[in-house]
Amino acid sequence: MKKNKKFATIDIGSNAIRLLISNVYKRDSKFFTTKNSLIRLPVRLGQDAFKNGKISKTNITRLFDSLKSFQLIMKVHNVEKYLAYATSALRSSSNGELIVNEVSNKIGLNVEIISGSKEAKIITNNNKFFSNENTYCFLDVGGGSTELTLFKNNKIISSRSFKIGGVRLINNMVKSFTWKKLEEWIYDNLGSQKDIKLVGLGGNINKIFKISGNNIGVPLKKSLLDISINKLDKMTDFEKTIKLKLNPDRIDVIVPAGKIYQFVMDKLNSKEILVPKIGLADAMVHELLKKS
């Protein structure tokens, strides 16, 4: 096995910004990766983007400070390659392109604002967990958007991004017709499919999975998902923070985000959901490997 390298991936989301440092090994012309460290900073860009249409000066400063710190951490780790993608918040902001240009000029980091369809494609390309014999529906719920992707035989059959997310919901920014569009897409694209395996992605479903006490590697039953979300809904913020050790920026979005998973499962009549605990930052590592 050749000496390991380190790659970094940065996910600039609506509720938080993440830096994932991965160890990369090569053996017999094949690459293998392991997680070295993950840093998550609660810069809620979506609060600005979805309410005001642009990122505020305060959050621009916080974003810049976060990326500067990430740059120093990558330097200490001797990272050889990195990718930085921004999703729904910057995608929805009138000053999103201006911000990424300033990041490039002032910090020296290249950030790309990606579309919902590209976000879905990156996630599904990280398919080492899944069998070609099955049909999967990837359900990725973020702070600002929800991506649904139908995937079979290593190919995306259909994909759609909806402006429904945890941060949008707590700000009452999801209209009834958007839910209707989501429902129609499910019926039009998934209604005729047989034996679809639903795959839940995103930090909130990962936390709900952990809170449920479900065994790792075992699908989460809809009944247990409902019980866990109902339990969370009845808890105070103090209880969520102290008893469940949720981060402050997670406590207000976890139930609204959970209800998106419930909505889709109800429309699909799904009895269980797979939770492989992979996210955009994990999948981006495979984008870097393609270029190695």
C-alpha atoms as a PDB file:
ATOM      1  CA  MET A   1       0.000   0.000   0.000  1.00  0.00           C
ATOM      2  CA  LYS A   2       1.377   3.370  -1.042  1.00  0.00           C
ATOM      3  CA  LYS A   3       1.876   6.184   1.433  1.00  0.00           C
ATOM      4  CA  ASN A   4      -1.380   7.919   2.233  1.00  0.00           C
ATOM      5  CA  LYS A   5      -2.404  11.345   0.998  1.00  0.00           C
ATOM      6  CA  LYS A   6      -4.989  13.705   2.432  1.00  0.00           C
ATOM      7  CA  PHE A   7      -7.883  15.260   0.541  1.00  0.00           C
ATOM      8  CA  ALA A   8     -10.322  17.872   1.838  1.00  0.00           C
ATOM      9  CA  THR A   9     -13.924  18.586   0.923  1.00  0.00           C
ATOM     10  CA  ILE A  10     -15.898  21.658   1.979  1.00  0.00           C
ATOM     11  CA  ASP A  11     -19.706  21.684   1.955  1.00  0.00           C
ATOM     12  CA  ILE A  12     -21.152  25.185   2.329  1.00  0.00           C
ATOM     13  CA  GLY A  13     -24.733  24.422   3.267  1.00  0.00           C
ATOM     14  CA  SER A  14     -27.773  26.391   4.387  1.00  0.00           C
ATOM     15  CA  ASN A  15     -27.558  25.434   8.051  1.00  0.00           C
ATOM     16  CA  ALA A  16     -23.843  24.742   8.508  1.00  0.00           C
ATOM     17  CA  ILE A  17     -20.450  24.631   6.806  1.00  0.00           C
ATOM     18  CA  ARG A  18     -18.450  21.404   6.912  1.00  0.00           C
ATOM     19  CA  LEU A  19     -14.818  20.485   6.341  1.00  0.00           C
ATOM     20  CA  LEU A  20     -14.023  16.804   5.877  1.00  0.00           C
ATOM     21  CA  ILE A  21     -10.394  15.666   5.878  1.00  0.00           C
ATOM     22  CA  SER A  22      -9.984  12.199   4.344  1.00  0.00           C
ATOM     23  CA  ASN A  23      -7.043   9.801   4.247  1.00  0.00           C
ATOM     24  CA  VAL A  24      -6.505   8.415   0.754  1.00  0.00           C
ATOM     25  CA  TYR A  25      -4.639   5.156   0.132  1.00  0.00           C
ATOM     26  CA  LYS A  26      -3.780   3.372  -3.098  1.00  0.00           C
ATOM     27  CA  ARG A  27      -3.253  -0.352  -3.469  1.00  0.00           C
ATOM     28  CA  ASP A  28      -3.183  -2.405  -6.667  1.00  0.00           C
ATOM     29  CA  SER A  29      -4.379   0.627  -8.661  1.00  0.00           C
ATOM     30  CA  LYS A  30      -7.453   1.011  -6.408  1.00  0.00           C
ATOM     31  CA  PHE A  31      -8.135   3.903  -4.050  1.00  0.00           C
ATOM     32  CA  PHE A  32      -9.379   3.519  -0.482  1.00  0.00           C
ATOM     33  CA  THR A  33     -10.472   6.329   1.822  1.00  0.00           C
ATOM     34  CA  THR A  34     -11.005   6.734   5.539  1.00  0.00           C
ATOM     35  CA  LYS A  35     -12.283   9.700   7.500  1.00  0.00           C
ATOM     36  CA  ASN A  36      -9.605  11.634   9.335  1.00  0.00           C
ATOM     37  CA  SER A  37     -11.629  14.498  10.820  1.00  0.00           C
ATOM     38  CA  LEU A  38     -14.853  16.420  10.320  1.00  0.00           C
ATOM     39  CA  ILE A  39     -15.415  20.006  11.420  1.00  0.00           C
ATOM     40  CA  ARG A  40     -18.889  21.559  11.346  1.00  0.00           C
ATOM     41  CA  LEU A  41     -19.496  25.265  11.900  1.00  0.00           C
ATOM     42  CA  PRO A  42     -23.037  26.618  12.509  1.00  0.00           C
ATOM     43  CA  VAL A  43     -23.087  29.485  10.009  1.00  0.00           C
ATOM     44  CA  ARG A  44     -26.768  29.582   9.027  1.00  0.00           C
ATOM     45  CA  LEU A  45     -26.526  31.217   5.602  1.00  0.00           C
ATOM     46  CA  GLY A  46     -30.039  30.069   4.734  1.00  0.00           C
ATOM     47  CA  GLN A  47     -31.545  32.367   7.351  1.00  0.00           C
ATOM     48  CA  ASP A  48     -30.423  35.312   5.226  1.00  0.00           C
ATOM     49  CA  ALA A  49     -30.843  33.760   1.798  1.00  0.00           C
ATOM     50  CA  PHE A  50     -34.411  32.543   2.175  1.00  0.00           C
ATOM     51  CA  LYS A  51     -35.782  35.523   4.132  1.00  0.00           C
ATOM     52  CA  ASN A  52     -33.953  38.429   2.515  1.00  0.00           C
ATOM     53  CA  GLY A  53     -32.694  37.059  -0.785  1.00  0.00           C
ATOM     54  CA  LYS A  54     -29.050  37.803   0.004  1.00  0.00           C
ATOM     55  CA  ILE A  55     -26.356  36.984   2.544  1.00  0.00           C
ATOM     56  CA  SER A  56     -25.859  39.684   5.201  1.00  0.00           C
ATOM     57  CA  LYS A  57     -22.510  41.366   5.886  1.00  0.00           C
ATOM     58  CA  THR A  58     -22.398  39.645   9.282  1.00  0.00           C
ATOM     59  CA  ASN A  59     -22.727  36.170   7.794  1.00  0.00           C
ATOM     60  CA  ILE A  60     -20.348  36.986   4.947  1.00  0.00           C
ATOM     61  CA  THR A  61     -17.742  37.797   7.611  1.00  0.00           C
ATOM     62  CA  ARG A  62     -18.536  34.552   9.469  1.00  0.00           C
ATOM     63  CA  LEU A  63     -18.279  32.603   6.212  1.00  0.00           C
ATOM     64  CA  PHE A  64     -14.913  34.190   5.398  1.00  0.00           C
ATOM     65  CA  ASP A  65     -13.598  33.496   8.910  1.00  0.00           C
ATOM     66  CA  SER A  66     -14.765  29.875   8.644  1.00  0.00           C
ATOM     67  CA  LEU A  67     -13.060  29.349   5.296  1.00  0.00           C
ATOM     68  CA  LYS A  68      -9.848  31.002   6.526  1.00  0.00           C
ATOM     69  CA  SER A  69      -9.797  28.583   9.461  1.00  0.00           C
ATOM     70  CA  PHE A  70     -10.456  25.666   7.103  1.00  0.00           C
ATOM     71  CA  GLN A  71      -7.567  26.814   4.936  1.00  0.00           C
ATOM     72  CA  LEU A  72      -5.214  26.773   7.939  1.00  0.00           C
ATOM     73  CA  ILE A  73      -6.447  23.338   9.026  1.00  0.00           C
ATOM     74  CA  MET A  74      -5.861  21.982   5.508  1.00  0.00           C
ATOM     75  CA  LYS A  75      -2.347  23.445   5.618  1.00  0.00           C
ATOM     76  CA  VAL A  76      -1.596  21.710   8.932  1.00  0.00           C
ATOM     77  CA  HIS A  77      -2.916  18.417   7.498  1.00  0.00           C
ATOM     78  CA  ASN A  78      -0.791  18.909   4.371  1.00  0.00           C
ATOM     79  CA  VAL A  79      -3.866  18.434   2.181  1.00  0.00           C
ATOM     80  CA  GLU A  80      -2.949  17.789  -1.462  1.00  0.00           C
ATOM     81  CA  LYS A  81      -6.329  18.374  -3.113  1.00  0.00           C
ATOM     82  CA  TYR A  82      -9.611  19.952  -2.118  1.00  0.00           C
ATOM     83  CA  LEU A  83     -13.091  20.694  -3.413  1.00  0.00           C
ATOM     84  CA  ALA A  84     -15.474  23.354  -2.093  1.00  0.00           C
ATOM     85  CA  TYR A  85     -19.133  23.352  -3.108  1.00  0.00           C
ATOM     86  CA  ALA A  86     -21.935  25.688  -2.025  1.00  0.00           C
ATOM     87  CA  THR A  87     -25.569  24.591  -2.202  1.00  0.00           C
ATOM     88  CA  SER A  88     -29.045  26.039  -1.701  1.00  0.00           C
ATOM     89  CA  ALA A  89     -28.277  29.164   0.377  1.00  0.00           C
ATOM     90  CA  LEU A  90     -25.713  30.692  -1.978  1.00  0.00           C
ATOM     91  CA  ARG A  91     -27.659  29.329  -4.933  1.00  0.00           C
ATOM     92  CA  SER A  92     -30.675  31.366  -3.772  1.00  0.00           C
ATOM     93  CA  SER A  93     -28.754  34.545  -2.899  1.00  0.00           C
ATOM     94  CA  SER A  94     -28.530  37.531  -5.200  1.00  0.00           C
ATOM     95  CA  ASN A  95     -24.960  38.091  -3.972  1.00  0.00           C
ATOM     96  CA  GLY A  96     -23.902  34.431  -4.077  1.00  0.00           C
ATOM     97  CA  GLU A  97     -21.617  34.751  -7.113  1.00  0.00           C
ATOM     98  CA  LEU A  98     -20.088  37.942  -5.713  1.00  0.00           C
ATOM     99  CA  ILE A  99     -19.293  36.138  -2.455  1.00  0.00           C
ATOM    100  CA  VAL A 100     -17.539  33.173  -4.101  1.00  0.00           C
ATOM    101  CA  ASN A 101     -15.524  35.597  -6.254  1.00  0.00           C
ATOM    102  CA  GLU A 102     -14.407  37.467  -3.137  1.00  0.00           C
ATOM    103  CA  VAL A 103     -13.528  34.164  -1.456  1.00  0.00           C
ATOM    104  CA  SER A 104     -11.289  33.364  -4.417  1.00  0.00           C
ATOM    105  CA  ASN A 105      -9.648  36.810  -4.513  1.00  0.00           C
ATOM    106  CA  LYS A 106      -9.246  37.448  -0.775  1.00  0.00           C
ATOM    107  CA  ILE A 107      -8.739  33.949   0.643  1.00  0.00           C
ATOM    108  CA  GLY A 108      -7.487  31.963  -2.326  1.00  0.00           C
ATOM    109  CA  LEU A 109     -10.078  29.201  -2.108  1.00  0.00           C
ATOM    110  CA  ASN A 110     -12.070  28.210  -5.174  1.00  0.00           C
ATOM    111  CA  VAL A 111     -15.751  27.657  -4.363  1.00  0.00           C
ATOM    112  CA  GLU A 112     -18.357  26.461  -6.861  1.00  0.00           C
ATOM    113  CA  ILE A 113     -22.081  27.047  -6.416  1.00  0.00           C
ATOM    114  CA  ILE A 114     -23.691  23.834  -7.636  1.00  0.00           C
ATOM    115  CA  SER A 115     -27.221  23.143  -8.847  1.00  0.00           C
ATOM    116  CA  GLY A 116     -29.633  20.827  -7.071  1.00  0.00           C
ATOM    117  CA  SER A 117     -29.284  18.302  -9.909  1.00  0.00           C
ATOM    118  CA  LYS A 118     -25.489  18.277  -9.624  1.00  0.00           C
ATOM    119  CA  GLU A 119     -25.786  17.866  -5.861  1.00  0.00           C
ATOM    120  CA  ALA A 120     -28.008  14.820  -6.398  1.00  0.00           C
ATOM    121  CA  LYS A 121     -25.664  13.378  -9.029  1.00  0.00           C
ATOM    122  CA  ILE A 122     -22.631  13.670  -6.757  1.00  0.00           C
ATOM    123  CA  ILE A 123     -24.447  11.885  -3.938  1.00  0.00           C
ATOM    124  CA  THR A 124     -25.632   9.012  -6.140  1.00  0.00           C
ATOM    125  CA  ASN A 125     -22.199   8.565  -7.709  1.00  0.00           C
ATOM    126  CA  ASN A 126     -21.013   7.553  -4.248  1.00  0.00           C
ATOM    127  CA  ASN A 127     -22.797   4.227  -4.719  1.00  0.00           C
ATOM    128  CA  LYS A 128     -20.376   1.793  -3.118  1.00  0.00           C
ATOM    129  CA  PHE A 129     -23.034   1.050  -0.482  1.00  0.00           C
ATOM    130  CA  PHE A 130     -25.700   0.012  -2.982  1.00  0.00           C
ATOM    131  CA  SER A 131     -26.495  -2.998  -5.169  1.00  0.00           C
ATOM    132  CA  ASN A 132     -27.151  -2.763  -8.914  1.00  0.00           C
ATOM    133  CA  GLU A 133     -30.015  -5.224  -8.480  1.00  0.00           C
ATOM    134  CA  ASN A 134     -32.209  -2.739  -6.619  1.00  0.00           C
ATOM    135  CA  THR A 135     -34.009   0.508  -7.424  1.00  0.00           C
ATOM    136  CA  TYR A 136     -33.219   3.300  -4.980  1.00  0.00           C
ATOM    137  CA  CYS A 137     -34.772   6.643  -4.219  1.00  0.00           C
ATOM    138  CA  PHE A 138     -32.282   8.989  -2.569  1.00  0.00           C
ATOM    139  CA  LEU A 139     -33.964  11.525  -0.299  1.00  0.00           C
ATOM    140  CA  ASP A 140     -31.540  14.280   0.672  1.00  0.00           C
ATOM    141  CA  VAL A 141     -33.019  16.900   3.019  1.00  0.00           C
ATOM    142  CA  GLY A 142     -30.964  20.012   3.721  1.00  0.00           C
ATOM    143  CA  GLY A 143     -31.631  23.386   5.234  1.00  0.00           C
ATOM    144  CA  GLY A 144     -32.800  24.950   1.996  1.00  0.00           C
ATOM    145  CA  SER A 145     -33.696  22.168  -0.408  1.00  0.00           C
ATOM    146  CA  THR A 146     -34.787  18.578  -0.740  1.00  0.00           C
ATOM    147  CA  GLU A 147     -33.386  16.438  -3.538  1.00  0.00           C
ATOM    148  CA  LEU A 148     -35.146  13.282  -4.731  1.00  0.00           C
ATOM    149  CA  THR A 149     -33.247  10.999  -7.085  1.00  0.00           C
ATOM    150  CA  LEU A 150     -34.388   7.718  -8.606  1.00  0.00           C
ATOM    151  CA  PHE A 151     -31.353   5.504  -9.192  1.00  0.00           C
ATOM    152  CA  LYS A 152     -31.002   2.090 -10.836  1.00  0.00           C
ATOM    153  CA  ASN A 153     -28.211   0.125 -12.534  1.00  0.00           C
ATOM    154  CA  ASN A 154     -25.662   2.864 -11.771  1.00  0.00           C
ATOM    155  CA  LYS A 155     -27.806   5.416 -13.579  1.00  0.00           C
ATOM    156  CA  ILE A 156     -30.011   8.309 -12.529  1.00  0.00           C
ATOM    157  CA  ILE A 157     -33.467   7.673 -13.955  1.00  0.00           C
ATOM    158  CA  SER A 158     -35.001  10.884 -12.674  1.00  0.00           C
ATOM    159  CA  SER A 159     -34.042  13.673 -10.279  1.00  0.00           C
ATOM    160  CA  ARG A 160     -35.611  16.858  -8.914  1.00  0.00           C
ATOM    161  CA  SER A 161     -34.748  19.514  -6.364  1.00  0.00           C
ATOM    162  CA  PHE A 162     -37.487  21.225  -4.329  1.00  0.00           C
ATOM    163  CA  LYS A 163     -37.263  24.405  -2.263  1.00  0.00           C
ATOM    164  CA  ILE A 164     -38.244  22.602   0.921  1.00  0.00           C
ATOM    165  CA  GLY A 165     -35.792  22.350   3.820  1.00  0.00           C
ATOM    166  CA  GLY A 166     -35.443  22.657   7.571  1.00  0.00           C
ATOM    167  CA  VAL A 167     -34.394  26.325   7.602  1.00  0.00           C
ATOM    168  CA  ARG A 168     -37.113  27.287   5.095  1.00  0.00           C
ATOM    169  CA  LEU A 169     -39.738  25.495   7.211  1.00  0.00           C
ATOM    170  CA  ILE A 170     -38.874  27.183  10.505  1.00  0.00           C
ATOM    171  CA  ASN A 171     -39.203  30.524   8.700  1.00  0.00           C
ATOM    172  CA  ASN A 172     -42.590  29.548   7.187  1.00  0.00           C
ATOM    173  CA  MET A 173     -41.215  29.901   3.675  1.00  0.00           C
ATOM    174  CA  VAL A 174     -42.574  26.727   2.053  1.00  0.00           C
ATOM    175  CA  LYS A 175     -45.813  27.291   0.141  1.00  0.00           C
ATOM    176  CA  SER A 176     -48.550  24.679  -0.166  1.00  0.00           C
ATOM    177  CA  PHE A 177     -48.061  24.479  -3.938  1.00  0.00           C
ATOM    178  CA  THR A 178     -44.405  23.449  -3.372  1.00  0.00           C
ATOM    179  CA  TRP A 179     -45.565  20.495  -1.272  1.00  0.00           C
ATOM    180  CA  LYS A 180     -48.045  19.728  -4.042  1.00  0.00           C
ATOM    181  CA  LYS A 181     -45.277  19.735  -6.649  1.00  0.00           C
ATOM    182  CA  LEU A 182     -43.267  17.342  -4.491  1.00  0.00           C
ATOM    183  CA  GLU A 183     -46.271  15.051  -4.118  1.00  0.00           C
ATOM    184  CA  GLU A 184     -46.946  15.092  -7.871  1.00  0.00           C
ATOM    185  CA  TRP A 185     -43.314  14.292  -8.674  1.00  0.00           C
ATOM    186  CA  ILE A 186     -43.417  11.319  -6.308  1.00  0.00           C
ATOM    187  CA  TYR A 187     -46.544   9.912  -7.936  1.00  0.00           C
ATOM    188  CA  ASP A 188     -45.361  10.606 -11.504  1.00  0.00           C
ATOM    189  CA  ASN A 189     -41.843   9.219 -11.089  1.00  0.00           C
ATOM    190  CA  LEU A 190     -42.060   6.675  -8.303  1.00  0.00           C
ATOM    191  CA  GLY A 191     -45.649   5.479  -8.421  1.00  0.00           C
ATOM    192  CA  SER A 192     -45.034   2.861 -11.113  1.00  0.00           C
ATOM    193  CA  GLN A 193     -41.739   1.605  -9.652  1.00  0.00           C
ATOM    194  CA  LYS A 194     -41.643  -1.697  -7.784  1.00  0.00           C
ATOM    195  CA  ASP A 195     -39.782  -2.410  -4.556  1.00  0.00           C
ATOM    196  CA  ILE A 196     -38.084   0.953  -4.224  1.00  0.00           C
ATOM    197  CA  LYS A 197     -35.495   1.168  -1.448  1.00  0.00           C
ATOM    198  CA  LEU A 198     -35.621   4.618   0.125  1.00  0.00           C
ATOM    199  CA  VAL A 199     -32.262   6.090   1.211  1.00  0.00           C
ATOM    200  CA  GLY A 200     -32.204   8.994   3.671  1.00  0.00           C
ATOM    201  CA  LEU A 201     -29.356  11.505   3.498  1.00  0.00           C
ATOM    202  CA  GLY A 202     -28.600  14.593   5.576  1.00  0.00           C
ATOM    203  CA  GLY A 203     -27.498  15.492   9.073  1.00  0.00           C
ATOM    204  CA  ASN A 204     -31.007  15.474  10.525  1.00  0.00           C
ATOM    205  CA  ILE A 205     -31.912  11.930   9.471  1.00  0.00           C
ATOM    206  CA  ASN A 206     -28.539  10.804  10.818  1.00  0.00           C
ATOM    207  CA  LYS A 207     -29.374  12.355  14.204  1.00  0.00           C
ATOM    208  CA  ILE A 208     -32.893  10.915  14.195  1.00  0.00           C
ATOM    209  CA  PHE A 209     -31.418   7.499  13.406  1.00  0.00           C
ATOM    210  CA  LYS A 210     -29.047   7.799  16.371  1.00  0.00           C
ATOM    211  CA  ILE A 211     -31.785   9.028  18.708  1.00  0.00           C
ATOM    212  CA  SER A 212     -34.030   6.122  17.675  1.00  0.00           C
ATOM    213  CA  GLY A 213     -31.491   3.618  19.004  1.00  0.00           C
ATOM    214  CA  ASN A 214     -31.704   1.658  15.759  1.00  0.00           C
ATOM    215  CA  ASN A 215     -28.854  -0.766  15.073  1.00  0.00           C
ATOM    216  CA  ILE A 216     -26.262   0.519  12.597  1.00  0.00           C
ATOM    217  CA  GLY A 217     -26.651  -1.052   9.160  1.00  0.00           C
ATOM    218  CA  VAL A 218     -30.301  -1.955   9.785  1.00  0.00           C
ATOM    219  CA  PRO A 219     -33.044   0.014   7.947  1.00  0.00           C
ATOM    220  CA  LEU A 220     -35.009   2.421  10.130  1.00  0.00           C
ATOM    221  CA  LYS A 221     -38.659   1.405  10.355  1.00  0.00           C
ATOM    222  CA  LYS A 222     -41.243   4.075   9.620  1.00  0.00           C
ATOM    223  CA  SER A 223     -42.931   3.324  12.949  1.00  0.00           C
ATOM    224  CA  LEU A 224     -39.681   3.978  14.852  1.00  0.00           C
ATOM    225  CA  LEU A 225     -39.022   7.125  12.806  1.00  0.00           C
ATOM    226  CA  ASP A 226     -42.484   8.410  13.774  1.00  0.00           C
ATOM    227  CA  ILE A 227     -41.918   7.623  17.444  1.00  0.00           C
ATOM    228  CA  SER A 228     -38.535   9.394  17.428  1.00  0.00           C
ATOM    229  CA  ILE A 229     -39.850  12.542  15.728  1.00  0.00           C
ATOM    230  CA  ASN A 230     -42.870  12.636  18.029  1.00  0.00           C
ATOM    231  CA  LYS A 231     -40.532  12.333  21.021  1.00  0.00           C
ATOM    232  CA  LEU A 232     -38.396  15.209  19.724  1.00  0.00           C
ATOM    233  CA  ASP A 233     -41.458  17.338  19.043  1.00  0.00           C
ATOM    234  CA  LYS A 234     -42.541  17.069  22.683  1.00  0.00           C
ATOM    235  CA  MET A 235     -39.128  17.865  24.143  1.00  0.00           C
ATOM    236  CA  THR A 236     -38.078  21.356  25.183  1.00  0.00           C
ATOM    237  CA  ASP A 237     -35.022  22.985  23.613  1.00  0.00           C
ATOM    238  CA  PHE A 238     -33.218  22.481  26.919  1.00  0.00           C
ATOM    239  CA  GLU A 239     -33.952  18.739  26.874  1.00  0.00           C
ATOM    240  CA  LYS A 240     -32.802  18.408  23.263  1.00  0.00           C
ATOM    241  CA  THR A 241     -29.602  20.230  24.083  1.00  0.00           C
ATOM    242  CA  ILE A 242     -28.700  18.596  27.406  1.00  0.00           C
ATOM    243  CA  LYS A 243     -30.268  15.131  27.227  1.00  0.00           C
ATOM    244  CA  LEU A 244     -29.713  14.440  23.529  1.00  0.00           C
ATOM    245  CA  LYS A 245     -26.626  16.656  23.157  1.00  0.00           C
ATOM    246  CA  LEU A 246     -27.917  18.289  19.983  1.00  0.00           C
ATOM    247  CA  ASN A 247     -26.097  21.368  18.722  1.00  0.00           C
ATOM    248  CA  PRO A 248     -28.044  24.622  19.220  1.00  0.00           C
ATOM    249  CA  ASP A 249     -28.423  25.103  15.467  1.00  0.00           C
ATOM    250  CA  ARG A 250     -29.906  21.612  15.152  1.00  0.00           C
ATOM    251  CA  ILE A 251     -32.632  21.763  17.791  1.00  0.00           C
ATOM    252  CA  ASP A 252     -35.067  23.947  15.833  1.00  0.00           C
ATOM    253  CA  VAL A 253     -34.689  22.273  12.427  1.00  0.00           C
ATOM    254  CA  ILE A 254     -34.577  18.568  13.261  1.00  0.00           C
ATOM    255  CA  VAL A 255     -38.347  18.079  13.657  1.00  0.00           C
ATOM    256  CA  PRO A 256     -39.321  20.108  10.544  1.00  0.00           C
ATOM    257  CA  ALA A 257     -36.689  18.226   8.544  1.00  0.00           C
ATOM    258  CA  GLY A 258     -37.928  14.934   9.969  1.00  0.00           C
ATOM    259  CA  LYS A 259     -41.431  15.732   8.771  1.00  0.00           C
ATOM    260  CA  ILE A 260     -40.135  15.966   5.204  1.00  0.00           C
ATOM    261  CA  TYR A 261     -38.926  12.369   5.463  1.00  0.00           C
ATOM    262  CA  GLN A 262     -42.299  11.400   6.935  1.00  0.00           C
ATOM    263  CA  PHE A 263     -44.135  13.140   4.095  1.00  0.00           C
ATOM    264  CA  VAL A 264     -42.192  11.309   1.385  1.00  0.00           C
ATOM    265  CA  MET A 265     -42.468   7.952   3.158  1.00  0.00           C
ATOM    266  CA  ASP A 266     -46.215   8.399   3.558  1.00  0.00           C
ATOM    267  CA  LYS A 267     -46.667   9.218  -0.142  1.00  0.00           C
ATOM    268  CA  LEU A 268     -44.545   6.212  -1.133  1.00  0.00           C
ATOM    269  CA  ASN A 269     -46.113   4.001   1.513  1.00  0.00           C
ATOM    270  CA  SER A 270     -42.565   3.106   2.584  1.00  0.00           C
ATOM    271  CA  LYS A 271     -42.224   0.961   5.678  1.00  0.00           C
ATOM    272  CA  GLU A 272     -38.510   1.635   6.194  1.00  0.00           C
ATOM    273  CA  ILE A 273     -35.638   3.872   5.156  1.00  0.00           C
ATOM    274  CA  LEU A 274     -31.922   3.138   4.768  1.00  0.00           C
ATOM    275  CA  VAL A 275     -29.613   5.603   6.544  1.00  0.00           C
ATOM    276  CA  PRO A 276     -26.023   5.027   5.359  1.00  0.00           C
ATOM    277  CA  LYS A 277     -24.795   8.228   7.030  1.00  0.00           C
ATOM    278  CA  ILE A 278     -23.147   9.704   3.965  1.00  0.00           C
ATOM    279  CA  GLY A 279     -23.394  13.328   2.953  1.00  0.00           C
ATOM    280  CA  LEU A 280     -22.276  15.688   0.233  1.00  0.00           C
ATOM    281  CA  ALA A 281     -18.794  16.111   1.732  1.00  0.00           C
ATOM    282  CA  ASP A 282     -18.304  12.311   1.746  1.00  0.00           C
ATOM    283  CA  ALA A 283     -19.450  11.995  -1.849  1.00  0.00           C
ATOM    284  CA  MET A 284     -17.204  14.867  -2.956  1.00  0.00           C
ATOM    285  CA  VAL A 285     -14.159  12.788  -2.005  1.00  0.00           C
ATOM    286  CA  HIS A 286     -15.017  10.491  -4.916  1.00  0.00           C
ATOM    287  CA  GLU A 287     -15.094  13.512  -7.224  1.00  0.00           C
ATOM    288  CA  LEU A 288     -11.488  14.188  -6.231  1.00  0.00           C
ATOM    289  CA  LEU A 289     -10.515  10.541  -6.718  1.00  0.00           C
ATOM    290  CA  LYS A 290     -11.753  10.668 -10.314  1.00  0.00           C
ATOM    291  CA  LYS A 291      -9.155  13.351 -10.990  1.00  0.00           C
ATOM    292  CA  SER A 292      -6.314  11.431  -9.293  1.00  0.00           C
END
